């Protein structure tokens, strides 16, 4: 039996995969420089964003079926987790744009947008499932 290779459409239609990508971007952005010579980890905001990325990874793992537990499905529902973490990361990043921001902060903001896209895809899937 030959497996079908994963396509871009498969990725864009899977909120769990999108949320995984966003979490990886967020981890890289949290460790990277947010301002000249100062990483997000050094100023404390990076520690918070890594904690948020771990929540996102947990929700994605439950959504994709890597972790099977009815309790965790209630604790980490992908729609509400991606909405909340997306808004926190995106608007938190925007409010941090003072002085001379570096690429890590921009990557963090991008991760927030990708997370909100995962929320949109989760909403679309939930709406289609109810029809």
C-alpha atoms as a PDB file:
ATOM      1  CA  UNK A   1       0.000   0.000   0.000  1.00  0.00           C
ATOM      2  CA  UNK A   2       1.401   3.391  -1.018  1.00  0.00           C
ATOM      3  CA  UNK A   3       0.729   6.344   1.218  1.00  0.00           C
ATOM      4  CA  UNK A   4      -0.290   9.623  -0.331  1.00  0.00           C
ATOM      5  CA  UNK A   5       2.289  12.354   0.356  1.00  0.00           C
ATOM      6  CA  UNK A   6       1.146  15.281   2.451  1.00  0.00           C
ATOM      7  CA  UNK A   7       0.267  18.350   0.419  1.00  0.00           C
ATOM      8  CA  UNK A   8       0.049  22.045   1.215  1.00  0.00           C
ATOM      9  CA  UNK A   9      -3.750  21.749   1.157  1.00  0.00           C
ATOM     10  CA  UNK A  10      -3.557  19.022   3.810  1.00  0.00           C
ATOM     11  CA  UNK A  11      -1.469  21.303   6.015  1.00  0.00           C
ATOM     12  CA  UNK A  12      -3.674  24.361   5.481  1.00  0.00           C
ATOM     13  CA  UNK A  13      -6.818  22.384   6.317  1.00  0.00           C
ATOM     14  CA  UNK A  14      -5.462  20.872   9.540  1.00  0.00           C
ATOM     15  CA  UNK A  15      -5.657  23.208  12.542  1.00  0.00           C
ATOM     16  CA  UNK A  16      -3.454  20.834  14.560  1.00  0.00           C
ATOM     17  CA  UNK A  17      -0.594  21.012  12.061  1.00  0.00           C
ATOM     18  CA  UNK A  18      -0.971  24.787  11.734  1.00  0.00           C
ATOM     19  CA  UNK A  19      -0.888  25.147  15.518  1.00  0.00           C
ATOM     20  CA  UNK A  20       2.261  22.992  15.668  1.00  0.00           C
ATOM     21  CA  UNK A  21       3.949  25.253  13.112  1.00  0.00           C
ATOM     22  CA  UNK A  22       2.894  28.330  15.068  1.00  0.00           C
ATOM     23  CA  UNK A  23       4.260  26.850  18.314  1.00  0.00           C
ATOM     24  CA  UNK A  24       7.620  26.120  16.696  1.00  0.00           C
ATOM     25  CA  UNK A  25       7.773  29.672  15.310  1.00  0.00           C
ATOM     26  CA  UNK A  26       6.897  30.958  18.767  1.00  0.00           C
ATOM     27  CA  UNK A  27       9.667  28.967  20.466  1.00  0.00           C
ATOM     28  CA  UNK A  28      12.237  30.216  17.954  1.00  0.00           C
ATOM     29  CA  UNK A  29      10.950  33.770  18.328  1.00  0.00           C
ATOM     30  CA  UNK A  30      11.099  33.565  22.130  1.00  0.00           C
ATOM     31  CA  UNK A  31      14.753  32.552  22.104  1.00  0.00           C
ATOM     32  CA  UNK A  32      15.750  34.953  19.320  1.00  0.00           C
ATOM     33  CA  UNK A  33      16.611  38.629  19.864  1.00  0.00           C
ATOM     34  CA  UNK A  34      13.640  40.888  20.492  1.00  0.00           C
ATOM     35  CA  UNK A  35      15.714  44.036  20.721  1.00  0.00           C
ATOM     36  CA  UNK A  36      19.327  44.695  19.781  1.00  0.00           C
ATOM     37  CA  UNK A  37      21.379  42.294  21.894  1.00  0.00           C
ATOM     38  CA  UNK A  38      18.483  41.202  24.128  1.00  0.00           C
ATOM     39  CA  UNK A  39      16.550  37.994  23.536  1.00  0.00           C
ATOM     40  CA  UNK A  40      12.952  37.503  24.561  1.00  0.00           C
ATOM     41  CA  UNK A  41      14.140  34.955  27.105  1.00  0.00           C
ATOM     42  CA  UNK A  42      16.295  37.585  28.804  1.00  0.00           C
ATOM     43  CA  UNK A  43      13.459  40.042  29.387  1.00  0.00           C
ATOM     44  CA  UNK A  44      10.924  37.541  30.667  1.00  0.00           C
ATOM     45  CA  UNK A  45       8.473  37.833  27.804  1.00  0.00           C
ATOM     46  CA  UNK A  46      10.184  34.926  26.121  1.00  0.00           C
ATOM     47  CA  UNK A  47       9.586  32.694  29.125  1.00  0.00           C
ATOM     48  CA  UNK A  48       5.868  33.439  28.920  1.00  0.00           C
ATOM     49  CA  UNK A  49       5.785  32.803  25.177  1.00  0.00           C
ATOM     50  CA  UNK A  50       7.527  29.436  25.605  1.00  0.00           C
ATOM     51  CA  UNK A  51       4.914  28.478  28.207  1.00  0.00           C
ATOM     52  CA  UNK A  52       2.192  29.503  25.726  1.00  0.00           C
ATOM     53  CA  UNK A  53       3.927  27.477  22.992  1.00  0.00           C
ATOM     54  CA  UNK A  54       3.845  24.398  25.256  1.00  0.00           C
ATOM     55  CA  UNK A  55       0.093  24.857  25.711  1.00  0.00           C
ATOM     56  CA  UNK A  56      -0.261  25.156  21.935  1.00  0.00           C
ATOM     57  CA  UNK A  57       1.804  21.991  21.365  1.00  0.00           C
ATOM     58  CA  UNK A  58      -0.331  20.096  23.888  1.00  0.00           C
ATOM     59  CA  UNK A  59      -3.541  21.175  22.194  1.00  0.00           C
ATOM     60  CA  UNK A  60      -2.182  20.259  18.768  1.00  0.00           C
ATOM     61  CA  UNK A  61      -1.039  16.834  20.004  1.00  0.00           C
ATOM     62  CA  UNK A  62      -4.497  16.116  21.393  1.00  0.00           C
ATOM     63  CA  UNK A  63      -6.148  17.389  18.192  1.00  0.00           C
ATOM     64  CA  UNK A  64      -3.922  15.280  15.945  1.00  0.00           C
ATOM     65  CA  UNK A  65      -4.488  12.172  18.047  1.00  0.00           C
ATOM     66  CA  UNK A  66      -0.958  11.784  19.396  1.00  0.00           C
ATOM     67  CA  UNK A  67      -2.371  12.000  22.924  1.00  0.00           C
ATOM     68  CA  UNK A  68      -5.676  10.238  23.486  1.00  0.00           C
ATOM     69  CA  UNK A  69      -7.503  11.250  26.616  1.00  0.00           C
ATOM     70  CA  UNK A  70     -11.078  12.497  26.989  1.00  0.00           C
ATOM     71  CA  UNK A  71      -9.983  14.701  29.866  1.00  0.00           C
ATOM     72  CA  UNK A  72      -7.246  16.370  27.842  1.00  0.00           C
ATOM     73  CA  UNK A  73      -9.678  16.926  24.981  1.00  0.00           C
ATOM     74  CA  UNK A  74     -11.743  18.980  27.412  1.00  0.00           C
ATOM     75  CA  UNK A  75      -8.724  20.833  28.821  1.00  0.00           C
ATOM     76  CA  UNK A  76      -7.010  21.587  25.484  1.00  0.00           C
ATOM     77  CA  UNK A  77      -9.736  22.085  22.842  1.00  0.00           C
ATOM     78  CA  UNK A  78      -8.000  23.378  19.747  1.00  0.00           C
ATOM     79  CA  UNK A  79     -10.489  26.134  18.918  1.00  0.00           C
ATOM     80  CA  UNK A  80     -10.457  27.910  22.253  1.00  0.00           C
ATOM     81  CA  UNK A  81      -6.733  27.337  22.867  1.00  0.00           C
ATOM     82  CA  UNK A  82      -5.787  28.745  19.465  1.00  0.00           C
ATOM     83  CA  UNK A  83      -8.093  31.755  19.835  1.00  0.00           C
ATOM     84  CA  UNK A  84      -6.816  32.666  23.300  1.00  0.00           C
ATOM     85  CA  UNK A  85      -3.129  32.051  22.665  1.00  0.00           C
ATOM     86  CA  UNK A  86      -3.306  33.698  19.249  1.00  0.00           C
ATOM     87  CA  UNK A  87      -4.729  36.920  20.650  1.00  0.00           C
ATOM     88  CA  UNK A  88      -2.339  36.973  23.607  1.00  0.00           C
ATOM     89  CA  UNK A  89       0.748  36.389  21.452  1.00  0.00           C
ATOM     90  CA  UNK A  90      -0.262  38.678  18.585  1.00  0.00           C
ATOM     91  CA  UNK A  91      -1.387  41.665  20.645  1.00  0.00           C
ATOM     92  CA  UNK A  92       1.313  41.115  23.259  1.00  0.00           C
ATOM     93  CA  UNK A  93       3.893  41.238  20.481  1.00  0.00           C
ATOM     94  CA  UNK A  94       2.347  44.363  18.993  1.00  0.00           C
ATOM     95  CA  UNK A  95       2.433  46.166  22.326  1.00  0.00           C
ATOM     96  CA  UNK A  96       6.113  45.230  22.687  1.00  0.00           C
ATOM     97  CA  UNK A  97       7.057  47.035  19.462  1.00  0.00           C
ATOM     98  CA  UNK A  98       8.912  49.882  21.108  1.00  0.00           C
ATOM     99  CA  UNK A  99      12.441  51.094  20.566  1.00  0.00           C
ATOM    100  CA  UNK A 100      14.312  49.085  17.969  1.00  0.00           C
ATOM    101  CA  UNK A 101      12.668  45.650  17.714  1.00  0.00           C
ATOM    102  CA  UNK A 102      14.597  42.781  16.206  1.00  0.00           C
ATOM    103  CA  UNK A 103      13.537  39.786  14.121  1.00  0.00           C
ATOM    104  CA  UNK A 104      12.611  37.559  17.074  1.00  0.00           C
ATOM    105  CA  UNK A 105       9.794  39.869  18.095  1.00  0.00           C
ATOM    106  CA  UNK A 106       8.519  39.988  14.523  1.00  0.00           C
ATOM    107  CA  UNK A 107       8.624  36.186  14.388  1.00  0.00           C
ATOM    108  CA  UNK A 108       6.615  36.083  17.605  1.00  0.00           C
ATOM    109  CA  UNK A 109       3.968  38.354  16.073  1.00  0.00           C
ATOM    110  CA  UNK A 110       3.903  36.165  12.963  1.00  0.00           C
ATOM    111  CA  UNK A 111       3.390  33.110  15.184  1.00  0.00           C
ATOM    112  CA  UNK A 112       0.390  34.877  16.709  1.00  0.00           C
ATOM    113  CA  UNK A 113      -1.102  35.392  13.252  1.00  0.00           C
ATOM    114  CA  UNK A 114      -0.490  31.754  12.307  1.00  0.00           C
ATOM    115  CA  UNK A 115      -2.192  30.723  15.556  1.00  0.00           C
ATOM    116  CA  UNK A 116      -5.220  32.845  14.697  1.00  0.00           C
ATOM    117  CA  UNK A 117      -5.317  31.152  11.285  1.00  0.00           C
ATOM    118  CA  UNK A 118      -5.366  27.796  13.092  1.00  0.00           C
ATOM    119  CA  UNK A 119      -8.312  29.091  15.122  1.00  0.00           C
ATOM    120  CA  UNK A 120     -10.095  30.068  11.914  1.00  0.00           C
ATOM    121  CA  UNK A 121      -9.526  26.612  10.408  1.00  0.00           C
ATOM    122  CA  UNK A 122     -10.726  24.936  13.619  1.00  0.00           C
ATOM    123  CA  UNK A 123     -13.856  27.083  13.533  1.00  0.00           C
ATOM    124  CA  UNK A 124     -14.502  26.176   9.888  1.00  0.00           C
ATOM    125  CA  UNK A 125     -14.090  22.463  10.643  1.00  0.00           C
ATOM    126  CA  UNK A 126     -16.383  22.691  13.660  1.00  0.00           C
ATOM    127  CA  UNK A 127     -19.020  24.519  11.630  1.00  0.00           C
ATOM    128  CA  UNK A 128     -18.864  21.925   8.818  1.00  0.00           C
ATOM    129  CA  UNK A 129     -19.152  19.091  11.327  1.00  0.00           C
ATOM    130  CA  UNK A 130     -22.399  20.543  12.689  1.00  0.00           C
ATOM    131  CA  UNK A 131     -24.017  20.724   9.247  1.00  0.00           C
END
